[in-house]
N, C-alpha and C. Protein backbone atom coordinates (compact mmCIF):
# COMPACT_ATOMS: atom_id res chain seq x y z
N MET A 1 -5.03 19.51 -0.49
CA MET A 1 -5.80 18.04 0.54
C MET A 1 -4.14 17.13 0.52
N GLU A 2 -3.55 17.05 0.95
CA GLU A 2 -2.81 15.67 1.78
C GLU A 2 -3.74 14.31 0.93
N ILE A 3 -2.79 13.66 0.08
CA ILE A 3 -3.07 12.19 -0.13
C ILE A 3 -2.28 11.22 0.31
N ILE A 4 -2.62 9.75 1.00
CA ILE A 4 -1.98 8.61 1.52
C ILE A 4 -2.21 8.00 1.25
N PHE A 5 -0.84 6.98 0.97
CA PHE A 5 -1.13 6.18 0.65
C PHE A 5 -1.66 4.86 1.30
N LEU A 6 -2.59 4.27 1.22
CA LEU A 6 -3.25 3.20 1.50
C LEU A 6 -2.17 1.54 1.73
N ASP A 7 -1.98 0.74 2.41
CA ASP A 7 -2.10 -0.23 2.59
C ASP A 7 -2.71 -1.48 2.99
N THR A 8 -2.43 -2.67 2.18
CA THR A 8 -3.64 -3.87 1.72
C THR A 8 -4.37 -3.97 2.40
N ASN A 9 -3.80 -3.75 4.12
CA ASN A 9 -4.67 -4.19 4.72
C ASN A 9 -5.43 -3.39 4.81
N ILE A 10 -5.08 -1.58 5.50
CA ILE A 10 -6.64 -0.94 5.04
C ILE A 10 -7.67 -1.57 4.68
N LEU A 11 -7.26 -1.30 3.47
CA LEU A 11 -8.37 -1.44 2.02
C LEU A 11 -9.18 -2.78 2.40
N ILE A 12 -8.72 -4.05 3.01
CA ILE A 12 -9.53 -5.36 3.50
C ILE A 12 -10.17 -4.65 4.65
N GLU A 13 -9.59 -3.95 5.40
CA GLU A 13 -10.89 -3.24 6.44
C GLU A 13 -12.22 -2.98 6.63
N HIS A 14 -11.72 -2.03 5.48
CA HIS A 14 -12.45 -0.57 4.81
C HIS A 14 -13.55 -1.79 3.97
N PHE A 15 -12.91 -3.09 3.25
CA PHE A 15 -14.31 -3.93 2.58
C PHE A 15 -15.43 -4.73 3.43
N LYS A 16 -13.99 -4.76 4.25
CA LYS A 16 -15.68 -5.34 5.66
C LYS A 16 -16.19 -4.57 6.43
N GLY A 17 -16.50 -3.99 5.83
CA GLY A 17 -17.03 -2.86 6.09
C GLY A 17 -16.75 -1.56 7.53
N LYS A 18 -15.98 -1.93 7.63
CA LYS A 18 -15.27 -1.72 9.23
C LYS A 18 -14.93 0.21 8.83
N SER A 19 -15.74 1.86 9.83
CA SER A 19 -15.77 2.69 9.15
C SER A 19 -14.00 3.40 9.33
N ILE A 20 -12.60 2.39 8.60
CA ILE A 20 -11.55 2.94 9.29
C ILE A 20 -11.45 3.99 8.57
N LEU A 21 -11.87 4.22 7.05
CA LEU A 21 -11.44 5.23 6.77
C LEU A 21 -12.11 6.35 7.09
N ASN A 22 -13.14 6.31 8.16
CA ASN A 22 -14.34 7.18 8.40
C ASN A 22 -14.45 8.35 7.82
N GLY A 23 -15.47 7.77 6.93
CA GLY A 23 -16.14 8.90 5.95
C GLY A 23 -15.81 9.58 4.48
N LYS A 24 -13.75 8.80 5.01
CA LYS A 24 -13.01 10.39 3.76
C LYS A 24 -13.64 9.64 2.32
N PRO A 25 -13.19 10.38 1.64
CA PRO A 25 -13.54 9.76 -0.19
C PRO A 25 -12.10 9.14 -0.44
N LEU A 26 -12.39 8.35 -1.48
CA LEU A 26 -11.70 6.85 -1.71
C LEU A 26 -10.39 7.90 -2.65
N ASN A 27 -10.92 9.23 -3.24
CA ASN A 27 -9.75 10.39 -4.13
C ASN A 27 -9.19 10.85 -2.85
N ASN A 28 -8.80 10.27 -1.62
CA ASN A 28 -8.40 11.41 -0.76
C ASN A 28 -6.72 10.28 -0.99
N PHE A 29 -7.00 9.18 -0.69
CA PHE A 29 -5.72 7.98 -0.85
C PHE A 29 -5.05 7.80 -1.81
N CYS A 30 -4.32 7.25 -2.37
CA CYS A 30 -3.64 6.33 -3.18
C CYS A 30 -3.26 4.94 -3.03
N ILE A 31 -2.89 4.06 -3.47
CA ILE A 31 -2.48 2.85 -3.64
C ILE A 31 -1.61 2.76 -5.15
N SER A 32 -1.13 1.61 -5.60
CA SER A 32 0.32 1.12 -6.57
C SER A 32 -0.59 0.10 -6.84
N GLU A 33 -0.20 0.05 -7.80
CA GLU A 33 -0.40 -1.34 -8.53
C GLU A 33 -0.09 -2.80 -8.46
N ILE A 34 1.56 -2.64 -6.88
CA ILE A 34 1.55 -3.68 -5.66
C ILE A 34 -0.49 -3.86 -4.88
N ILE A 35 -0.46 -2.80 -4.81
CA ILE A 35 -1.60 -3.16 -3.85
C ILE A 35 -3.07 -3.75 -5.11
N LEU A 36 -2.88 -3.13 -5.71
CA LEU A 36 -4.14 -3.47 -6.98
C LEU A 36 -3.65 -5.34 -6.88
N MET A 37 -2.57 -5.74 -7.19
CA MET A 37 -1.78 -7.55 -6.97
C MET A 37 -2.50 -7.96 -6.06
N GLU A 38 -2.03 -7.33 -5.02
CA GLU A 38 -2.68 -7.98 -3.34
C GLU A 38 -4.15 -8.54 -2.80
N LEU A 39 -5.13 -6.91 -3.39
CA LEU A 39 -6.22 -7.72 -3.53
C LEU A 39 -6.64 -8.38 -4.57
N TYR A 40 -6.05 -8.60 -5.43
CA TYR A 40 -6.85 -9.32 -6.45
C TYR A 40 -6.18 -10.88 -6.53
N GLN A 41 -5.54 -10.82 -5.77
CA GLN A 41 -5.15 -12.01 -5.86
C GLN A 41 -5.30 -12.83 -4.79
N GLY A 42 -6.05 -11.79 -3.82
CA GLY A 42 -7.01 -12.33 -2.85
C GLY A 42 -8.30 -12.52 -2.33
N ALA A 43 -9.17 -12.37 -3.97
CA ALA A 43 -10.15 -12.52 -4.21
C ALA A 43 -10.56 -13.89 -4.49
N ARG A 44 -11.39 -14.49 -3.98
CA ARG A 44 -11.57 -15.96 -3.85
C ARG A 44 -12.62 -16.76 -5.06
N ASN A 45 -13.51 -15.45 -5.49
CA ASN A 45 -14.28 -15.75 -6.71
C ASN A 45 -14.28 -14.40 -7.28
N LYS A 46 -14.63 -14.85 -9.17
CA LYS A 46 -14.99 -13.14 -9.45
C LYS A 46 -15.75 -12.22 -9.15
N SER A 47 -16.80 -12.77 -8.08
CA SER A 47 -17.51 -11.94 -7.30
C SER A 47 -16.30 -11.05 -6.49
N ASP A 48 -16.20 -11.12 -6.15
CA ASP A 48 -14.91 -10.66 -4.79
C ASP A 48 -14.20 -9.71 -6.42
N LEU A 49 -13.73 -10.01 -6.85
CA LEU A 49 -12.70 -9.84 -7.35
C LEU A 49 -13.61 -8.52 -8.29
N ALA A 50 -14.87 -8.53 -9.01
CA ALA A 50 -16.01 -7.67 -9.48
C ALA A 50 -16.17 -6.60 -7.77
N PHE A 51 -16.49 -6.88 -6.46
CA PHE A 51 -16.69 -6.27 -5.35
C PHE A 51 -14.94 -5.03 -5.10
N ILE A 52 -14.18 -5.62 -5.37
CA ILE A 52 -12.87 -5.12 -5.08
C ILE A 52 -12.34 -4.14 -6.12
N LYS A 53 -13.07 -3.95 -7.30
CA LYS A 53 -12.62 -3.10 -8.43
C LYS A 53 -13.94 -2.48 -8.64
N LYS A 54 -15.18 -2.64 -8.27
CA LYS A 54 -16.21 -1.58 -7.90
C LYS A 54 -16.12 -0.17 -6.50
N ASN A 55 -15.41 -0.95 -5.78
CA ASN A 55 -15.31 -0.09 -4.50
C ASN A 55 -13.50 0.24 -4.78
N LEU A 56 -12.95 0.36 -5.31
CA LEU A 56 -12.10 1.38 -5.37
C LEU A 56 -11.82 2.34 -6.48
N LYS A 57 -13.23 2.27 -7.74
CA LYS A 57 -12.88 4.02 -8.48
C LYS A 57 -12.96 4.80 -7.39
N GLY A 58 -12.27 5.81 -7.94
CA GLY A 58 -12.24 6.67 -7.17
C GLY A 58 -10.80 6.78 -6.60
N ILE A 59 -10.21 6.30 -6.30
CA ILE A 59 -9.29 6.17 -5.64
C ILE A 59 -7.56 6.11 -6.85
N ASN A 60 -6.67 7.11 -6.82
CA ASN A 60 -5.63 7.87 -7.15
C ASN A 60 -4.48 6.31 -7.04
N ILE A 61 -4.17 6.00 -8.34
CA ILE A 61 -3.33 4.79 -8.61
C ILE A 61 -1.80 5.39 -8.93
N VAL A 62 -0.85 5.84 -8.76
CA VAL A 62 0.08 5.72 -8.33
C VAL A 62 1.30 4.51 -9.46
N GLU A 63 2.19 4.96 -9.98
CA GLU A 63 3.14 4.23 -10.76
C GLU A 63 3.92 3.76 -10.18
N THR A 64 4.14 2.17 -10.68
CA THR A 64 5.92 1.91 -9.94
C THR A 64 6.80 1.89 -11.17
N ASN A 65 7.43 2.75 -10.96
CA ASN A 65 8.34 3.31 -12.12
C ASN A 65 9.83 2.30 -11.42
N SER A 66 10.86 2.42 -12.24
CA SER A 66 12.31 1.72 -12.07
C SER A 66 13.13 2.71 -10.36
N ASP A 67 12.10 3.68 -10.43
CA ASP A 67 12.85 3.67 -9.51
C ASP A 67 12.85 3.46 -8.73
N ILE A 68 11.79 3.57 -8.34
CA ILE A 68 11.01 2.09 -7.46
C ILE A 68 11.21 1.18 -7.09
N ILE A 69 11.25 0.84 -8.52
CA ILE A 69 12.41 -1.43 -8.24
C ILE A 69 14.09 -0.68 -7.96
N SER A 70 13.95 0.13 -7.95
CA SER A 70 15.94 0.39 -7.67
C SER A 70 15.97 0.48 -6.22
N LEU A 71 14.87 0.91 -5.81
CA LEU A 71 14.85 1.70 -4.33
C LEU A 71 14.58 0.46 -3.40
N SER A 72 13.52 0.02 -4.03
CA SER A 72 12.96 -1.85 -3.32
C SER A 72 14.12 -2.23 -3.17
N LEU A 73 15.24 -2.52 -4.51
CA LEU A 73 16.78 -3.79 -4.34
C LEU A 73 16.80 -3.26 -2.73
N THR A 74 17.43 -1.89 -2.74
CA THR A 74 18.26 -1.69 -2.19
C THR A 74 17.52 -1.21 -0.12
N ILE A 75 16.23 -1.64 -0.07
CA ILE A 75 15.68 -1.64 0.87
C ILE A 75 15.86 -3.33 1.40
N LEU A 76 15.59 -4.09 0.33
CA LEU A 76 15.50 -5.57 0.21
C LEU A 76 16.97 -5.56 0.85
N GLU A 77 18.04 -5.36 0.35
CA GLU A 77 19.68 -5.43 0.83
C GLU A 77 19.91 -5.41 1.69
N LYS A 78 18.99 -4.17 2.67
CA LYS A 78 19.59 -3.73 3.50
C LYS A 78 18.75 -4.31 5.15
N TYR A 79 17.69 -4.46 5.10
CA TYR A 79 16.26 -5.40 6.07
C TYR A 79 16.25 -6.93 5.91
N ASN A 80 16.27 -7.11 4.45
CA ASN A 80 16.20 -8.84 4.57
C ASN A 80 16.42 -9.48 5.78
N LEU A 81 17.16 -9.13 6.01
CA LEU A 81 18.15 -11.02 7.40
C LEU A 81 17.87 -9.61 8.28
N SER A 82 18.16 -8.50 8.20
CA SER A 82 17.96 -8.22 9.72
C SER A 82 15.94 -8.28 10.17
N HIS A 83 15.06 -7.66 9.17
CA HIS A 83 14.17 -7.63 9.97
C HIS A 83 13.24 -8.24 8.69
N ASN A 84 13.81 -9.43 8.19
CA ASN A 84 12.57 -9.98 7.68
C ASN A 84 11.72 -9.57 6.66
N MET A 85 12.63 -8.62 5.84
CA MET A 85 11.98 -7.60 4.92
C MET A 85 11.28 -8.47 4.03
N LYS A 86 9.68 -7.77 2.86
CA LYS A 86 9.05 -9.06 1.50
C LYS A 86 8.91 -8.28 1.20
N ILE A 87 9.30 -8.42 0.38
CA ILE A 87 9.14 -7.99 -1.49
C ILE A 87 8.10 -7.19 -1.42
N TYR A 88 6.83 -7.75 -1.58
CA TYR A 88 5.33 -6.02 -1.39
C TYR A 88 5.91 -4.65 -0.68
N ASP A 89 6.61 -5.98 0.99
CA ASP A 89 6.63 -4.19 1.48
C ASP A 89 7.86 -3.59 1.18
N ALA A 90 8.91 -3.80 0.47
CA ALA A 90 9.68 -3.09 0.11
C ALA A 90 9.63 -1.90 -1.06
N ILE A 91 8.85 -2.16 -1.87
CA ILE A 91 8.09 -1.99 -2.55
C ILE A 91 7.19 -0.84 -2.59
N ILE A 92 6.07 -1.71 -1.22
CA ILE A 92 5.19 0.09 -0.75
C ILE A 92 6.01 0.76 -0.05
N ALA A 93 7.14 0.42 0.46
CA ALA A 93 7.90 0.98 1.32
C ALA A 93 8.68 2.66 -0.29
N SER A 94 9.26 2.20 -0.56
CA SER A 94 10.38 2.76 -1.75
C SER A 94 8.68 3.16 -2.65
N THR A 95 7.66 3.49 -2.85
CA THR A 95 6.36 3.86 -3.02
C THR A 95 6.14 5.27 -2.78
N THR A 96 6.30 5.22 -1.12
CA THR A 96 5.59 5.99 -0.31
C THR A 96 7.22 7.21 -0.32
N LEU A 97 8.28 6.56 -0.48
CA LEU A 97 9.06 7.34 -0.80
C LEU A 97 9.87 8.13 -1.82
N ILE A 98 9.81 7.63 -2.44
CA ILE A 98 9.84 8.33 -3.66
C ILE A 98 8.99 9.16 -4.52
N TYR A 99 7.47 8.70 -4.24
CA TYR A 99 6.51 10.08 -4.02
C TYR A 99 5.90 11.16 -3.26
N ASP A 100 6.96 10.59 -1.60
CA ASP A 100 6.76 11.76 -1.19
C ASP A 100 5.20 11.81 0.56
N LEU A 101 4.85 10.65 0.45
CA LEU A 101 3.46 10.26 0.56
C LEU A 101 3.68 9.37 2.45
N LYS A 102 2.84 9.86 2.71
CA LYS A 102 2.22 9.15 4.48
C LYS A 102 1.58 7.92 3.94
N LEU A 103 2.36 6.51 4.40
CA LEU A 103 2.10 5.18 4.35
C LEU A 103 1.09 5.12 5.75
N TRP A 104 -0.21 4.33 5.49
CA TRP A 104 -0.97 4.13 6.24
C TRP A 104 -1.13 2.46 6.47
N THR A 105 -0.76 1.83 7.22
CA THR A 105 -0.94 0.64 7.43
C THR A 105 -0.96 -0.10 8.79
N LEU A 106 -1.61 -1.11 9.34
CA LEU A 106 -2.15 -1.96 10.24
C LEU A 106 -1.02 -2.77 11.13
N ASN A 107 0.34 -2.93 10.31
CA ASN A 107 1.42 -3.40 9.99
C ASN A 107 3.04 -2.31 10.38
N LYS A 108 2.76 -1.43 11.33
CA LYS A 108 4.14 -0.01 11.39
C LYS A 108 5.10 -1.06 11.48
N LYS A 109 4.76 -2.31 12.15
CA LYS A 109 6.30 -2.54 12.56
C LYS A 109 7.20 -3.20 11.87
N ASP A 110 6.24 -3.13 10.40
CA ASP A 110 7.09 -4.12 9.02
C ASP A 110 7.78 -3.32 8.39
N PHE A 111 7.38 -2.11 8.65
CA PHE A 111 7.80 -0.06 7.75
C PHE A 111 8.79 0.63 8.79
N ARG A 112 8.15 0.64 10.14
CA ARG A 112 8.89 1.73 11.34
C ARG A 112 10.26 1.80 10.44
N TYR A 113 11.54 1.18 11.38
CA TYR A 113 12.78 0.66 11.01
C TYR A 113 13.20 1.51 10.02
N ILE A 114 12.71 2.28 9.26
CA ILE A 114 13.75 2.39 7.34
C ILE A 114 13.34 4.01 7.68
N PRO A 115 14.40 4.55 7.42
CA PRO A 115 14.92 6.16 7.30
C PRO A 115 13.31 6.73 6.44
N ASN A 116 12.94 8.16 6.91
CA ASN A 116 12.44 8.92 6.36
C ASN A 116 11.29 8.57 5.69
N LEU A 117 10.69 7.34 6.04
CA LEU A 117 9.36 6.97 6.01
C LEU A 117 8.51 7.36 7.14
N LYS A 118 7.34 8.45 6.25
CA LYS A 118 6.38 8.43 7.44
C LYS A 118 4.86 7.70 6.85
N LEU A 119 4.64 7.08 8.05
CA LEU A 119 4.03 6.85 9.36
C LEU A 119 2.34 7.65 9.35
N TYR A 120 1.40 7.03 8.98
CA TYR A 120 0.23 7.94 9.15
C TYR A 120 0.04 7.66 10.19
């Protein structure tokens, strides 16, 4: 079974009740602590935060390690000026590259110029 890395926007659509994951269980997907931080930051109140935590049960969490941070710095250096690369996006891209995962995002334009990055 192939595990797919989910960008924050995919989970937001899923939380809105859209059938974007096509009924696949969350254990078919993974996220990192960076995605968790983005989701937690978007919570408007404690109820939202509880909803997010409850609805992420079963998803795989991959660790953000020093190799990912180092590659993120390289990606930012290379693409910040030319493509307006954001810190979180650089870390997400680095995570998928280090773990050799496909990235599922609704913002393909933010990632398609990165060599060897596989989009789902």
